[in-house]
Amino acid sequence: MFESAVKQFEYLKALGEETALIVRGLTDGTNLAVYEDNMPNMKNDAELLVSYNKAVDACRTWLKAVLAAELVSETEKDISAAVSLLLPDRRLDVTIYTSEFPFGGGINADIEEKIHTPLGTMSLFTYRMLVDIPDNPVRELYGFFEDLLHQLHNIIIMPNHRDGDDDMLSMDMLEEEGIIDVLGVYKVDSLFYNIRDFFDKYAVKGVE
């Protein structure tokens, strides 16, 4: 059992590295997600959205593997596993079922216990994989959002003395300052102070 758990973890690490590379096509790309202009740059925005959708798909692929690993380790308890993450333009919902219960089981089926985090709802197993495997696509994507929110705060709030960092970003602010926010990251400004804490402050060093 221990050997199986170790192999599981190593597989998730390897897949995390592979899928994180896909997300870096977005995070390290030349297309801008936030820029100052009165008119959108259609070519830039279209290319950015293509990379963004590839990044979301990479996150979905890795999360499916995490949920599958959870079901393998909890075959006597859970018949399904799910995670729901908040993105600027959507919720990233991923659910998988055991083959015996493709529709969620009967009335006596166990309900997976979820925890509520700044990024969304998930099981403790998924939470631990997100923070204990540092090179994964979800961390890479949310790090990108954090950088964009930091840029927006620096461009809009601090120079204009809008009561400091306590002000929440809004569409009115962006329009007033002539800021194009391609992904609508301003909508998740409430995550600004929580993203880094989620992945770093609460991480347990090492896996027992």
Protein backbone atom coordinates (compact mmCIF):
# COMPACT_ATOMS: atom_id res chain seq x y z
CA MET A 1 0.00 0.00 0.00
CA PHE A 2 2.80 2.44 0.87
CA GLU A 3 4.62 1.62 -2.36
CA SER A 4 1.41 2.27 -4.29
CA ALA A 5 0.89 5.62 -2.55
CA VAL A 6 4.48 6.65 -3.33
CA LYS A 7 4.06 5.72 -6.99
CA GLN A 8 0.80 7.67 -7.07
CA PHE A 9 2.47 10.75 -5.67
CA GLU A 10 5.41 10.49 -8.07
CA TYR A 11 3.01 10.16 -11.01
CA LEU A 12 1.09 13.27 -9.93
CA LYS A 13 4.38 15.16 -9.56
CA ALA A 14 5.50 14.16 -13.07
CA LEU A 15 2.12 15.02 -14.60
CA GLY A 16 2.12 18.29 -12.65
CA GLU A 17 5.43 19.29 -14.20
CA GLU A 18 4.24 18.32 -17.68
CA THR A 19 0.94 20.21 -17.47
CA ALA A 20 2.55 23.22 -15.74
CA LEU A 21 4.69 23.61 -18.88
CA ILE A 22 1.49 24.05 -20.90
CA VAL A 23 0.32 26.79 -18.53
CA ARG A 24 3.69 28.51 -18.91
CA GLY A 25 2.79 28.97 -22.56
CA LEU A 26 0.35 31.51 -21.15
CA THR A 27 2.31 32.87 -18.20
CA ASP A 28 5.59 33.26 -20.11
CA GLY A 29 3.97 34.25 -23.40
CA THR A 30 4.31 37.61 -25.14
CA ASN A 31 0.60 38.40 -25.25
CA LEU A 32 -0.61 40.88 -22.63
CA ALA A 33 -3.48 40.09 -20.27
CA VAL A 34 -3.51 43.61 -18.76
CA TYR A 35 -2.56 46.73 -20.68
CA GLU A 36 -3.32 50.44 -20.92
CA ASP A 37 -5.25 51.39 -24.02
CA ASN A 38 -8.59 52.89 -25.00
CA MET A 39 -9.27 50.16 -27.55
CA PRO A 40 -8.67 46.39 -27.22
CA ASN A 41 -5.94 44.83 -29.34
CA MET A 42 -8.00 42.11 -31.03
CA LYS A 43 -5.00 40.07 -32.21
CA ASN A 44 -3.36 40.12 -28.79
CA ASP A 45 -6.59 39.28 -27.00
CA ALA A 46 -7.51 36.39 -29.31
CA GLU A 47 -4.06 34.81 -29.01
CA LEU A 48 -4.10 35.24 -25.23
CA LEU A 49 -7.50 33.53 -24.93
CA VAL A 50 -6.25 30.55 -26.95
CA SER A 51 -3.32 30.14 -24.54
CA TYR A 52 -5.61 30.67 -21.55
CA ASN A 53 -8.03 27.94 -22.64
CA LYS A 54 -5.11 25.56 -23.12
CA ALA A 55 -3.96 26.42 -19.59
CA VAL A 56 -7.42 25.72 -18.14
CA ASP A 57 -7.53 22.38 -19.99
CA ALA A 58 -4.10 21.51 -18.53
CA CYS A 59 -5.42 22.23 -15.04
CA ARG A 60 -8.45 20.04 -15.73
CA THR A 61 -6.23 17.17 -16.89
CA TRP A 62 -4.08 17.30 -13.76
CA LEU A 63 -7.05 17.65 -11.42
CA LYS A 64 -8.70 14.61 -12.99
CA ALA A 65 -5.57 12.60 -12.19
CA VAL A 66 -5.61 13.91 -8.60
CA LEU A 67 -9.26 12.91 -8.18
CA ALA A 68 -8.59 9.48 -9.67
CA ALA A 69 -5.75 8.97 -7.18
CA GLU A 70 -8.11 9.95 -4.39
CA LEU A 71 -10.69 7.37 -5.45
CA VAL A 72 -8.04 4.65 -5.69
CA SER A 73 -6.93 5.37 -2.13
CA GLU A 74 -10.49 5.60 -0.79
CA THR A 75 -12.22 2.76 -2.66
CA GLU A 76 -14.07 1.59 0.45
CA LYS A 77 -15.54 5.04 1.16
CA ASP A 78 -16.04 7.32 -1.81
CA ILE A 79 -17.71 6.63 -5.13
CA SER A 80 -17.02 10.08 -6.53
CA ALA A 81 -14.56 12.93 -6.12
CA ALA A 82 -14.92 16.55 -7.20
CA VAL A 83 -13.25 19.94 -7.10
CA SER A 84 -14.61 23.37 -7.99
CA LEU A 85 -12.21 26.30 -8.45
CA LEU A 86 -12.98 29.97 -8.99
CA LEU A 87 -11.52 31.46 -12.18
CA PRO A 88 -12.11 35.01 -13.44
CA ASP A 89 -14.48 33.94 -16.23
CA ARG A 90 -15.86 30.61 -15.01
CA ARG A 91 -15.81 27.92 -12.38
CA LEU A 92 -13.50 25.03 -13.14
CA ASP A 93 -15.57 22.02 -12.07
CA VAL A 94 -14.05 18.55 -12.29
CA THR A 95 -15.83 15.39 -11.09
CA ILE A 96 -15.06 11.72 -11.57
CA TYR A 97 -16.91 8.59 -10.47
CA THR A 98 -15.92 5.00 -9.85
CA SER A 99 -16.95 2.70 -12.67
CA GLU A 100 -19.50 0.95 -10.45
CA PHE A 101 -21.46 4.15 -9.86
CA PRO A 102 -21.26 6.33 -12.99
CA PHE A 103 -24.21 8.48 -11.88
CA GLY A 104 -23.26 9.05 -8.27
CA GLY A 105 -24.65 5.93 -6.61
CA GLY A 106 -27.77 5.27 -4.60
CA ILE A 107 -29.41 6.98 -1.68
CA ASN A 108 -26.94 5.49 0.78
CA ALA A 109 -23.85 6.58 -1.11
CA ASP A 110 -21.18 8.36 0.92
CA ILE A 111 -20.93 12.11 0.36
CA GLU A 112 -17.38 13.33 -0.09
CA GLU A 113 -16.43 15.78 2.63
CA LYS A 114 -15.42 19.14 1.15
CA ILE A 115 -13.41 22.00 2.56
CA HIS A 116 -13.92 25.63 1.56
CA THR A 117 -10.78 27.47 0.52
CA PRO A 118 -10.10 30.90 -1.00
CA LEU A 119 -9.83 29.23 -4.41
CA GLY A 120 -12.94 27.05 -4.19
CA THR A 121 -14.23 23.78 -2.72
CA MET A 122 -12.31 20.53 -2.69
CA SER A 123 -11.48 17.49 -0.60
CA LEU A 124 -8.61 17.47 1.85
CA PHE A 125 -6.76 15.09 -0.49
CA THR A 126 -6.96 17.54 -3.42
CA TYR A 127 -5.97 20.41 -1.15
CA ARG A 128 -2.87 18.55 0.02
CA MET A 129 -1.83 17.68 -3.54
CA LEU A 130 -2.21 21.31 -4.61
CA VAL A 131 0.10 22.56 -1.87
CA ASP A 132 2.47 19.59 -1.52
CA ILE A 133 3.25 19.30 -5.25
CA PRO A 134 4.71 22.76 -5.92
CA ASP A 135 5.12 22.39 -9.69
CA ASN A 136 1.54 21.96 -10.88
CA PRO A 137 -0.64 23.77 -13.44
CA VAL A 138 -3.16 25.11 -10.92
CA ARG A 139 -0.46 26.84 -8.89
CA GLU A 140 1.06 28.23 -12.10
CA LEU A 141 -2.28 29.61 -13.27
CA TYR A 142 -3.21 31.21 -9.95
CA GLY A 143 0.28 32.66 -9.69
CA PHE A 144 -0.44 34.31 -13.03
CA PHE A 145 -3.71 35.75 -11.68
CA GLU A 146 -1.86 37.04 -8.62
CA ASP A 147 0.70 38.82 -10.82
CA LEU A 148 -2.07 40.42 -12.89
CA LEU A 149 -3.94 41.59 -9.79
CA HIS A 150 -0.70 43.05 -8.46
CA GLN A 151 -0.23 44.91 -11.74
CA LEU A 152 -3.77 46.26 -11.61
CA HIS A 153 -3.35 47.45 -8.03
CA ASN A 154 -0.10 49.19 -8.93
CA ILE A 155 -1.57 50.82 -12.04
CA ILE A 156 -4.95 51.87 -10.65
CA ILE A 157 -5.15 52.00 -6.87
CA MET A 158 -1.75 53.09 -5.61
CA PRO A 159 -0.99 55.94 -8.08
CA ASN A 160 -4.49 57.38 -7.66
CA HIS A 161 -4.59 57.11 -3.86
CA ARG A 162 -7.84 55.20 -3.83
CA ASP A 163 -7.69 54.58 -0.09
CA GLY A 164 -4.77 52.21 -0.49
CA ASP A 165 -5.00 48.50 -1.24
CA ASP A 166 -8.31 48.14 0.59
CA ASP A 167 -10.27 49.26 -2.48
CA MET A 168 -11.64 46.45 -4.61
CA LEU A 169 -11.08 46.63 -8.33
CA SER A 170 -14.14 47.27 -10.49
CA MET A 171 -15.01 47.64 -14.16
CA ASP A 172 -15.66 51.34 -13.58
CA MET A 173 -12.10 51.78 -12.29
CA LEU A 174 -10.66 50.00 -15.31
CA GLU A 175 -12.70 52.05 -17.78
CA GLU A 176 -11.85 55.29 -16.00
CA GLU A 177 -8.11 54.56 -16.24
CA GLY A 178 -8.24 53.08 -19.76
CA ILE A 179 -7.16 49.59 -18.66
CA ILE A 180 -7.91 46.49 -20.72
CA ASP A 181 -8.26 43.39 -18.55
CA VAL A 182 -8.60 40.63 -21.13
CA LEU A 183 -9.51 37.80 -18.74
CA GLY A 184 -11.56 39.91 -16.34
CA VAL A 185 -9.15 39.20 -13.51
CA TYR A 186 -10.52 42.17 -11.57
CA LYS A 187 -13.53 39.96 -10.74
CA VAL A 188 -11.38 37.78 -8.45
CA ASP A 189 -9.68 40.68 -6.68
CA SER A 190 -10.87 39.17 -3.39
CA LEU A 191 -8.22 36.48 -3.93
CA PHE A 192 -5.41 39.05 -4.09
CA TYR A 193 -4.15 38.44 -0.54
CA ASN A 194 -5.11 34.76 -0.40
CA ILE A 195 -3.46 33.06 -3.38
CA ARG A 196 0.07 33.04 -2.01
CA ASP A 197 -1.12 32.03 1.46
CA PHE A 198 -3.06 29.12 0.01
CA PHE A 199 -0.01 27.62 -1.67
CA ASP A 200 2.75 28.66 0.73
CA LYS A 201 1.62 29.54 4.24
CA TYR A 202 -0.55 26.48 4.68
CA ALA A 203 1.73 23.99 2.95
CA VAL A 204 3.23 21.22 5.02
CA LYS A 205 6.84 20.64 4.08
CA GLY A 206 7.28 17.07 2.93
CA VAL A 207 4.75 14.29 2.67
CA GLU A 208 4.39 11.66 5.37
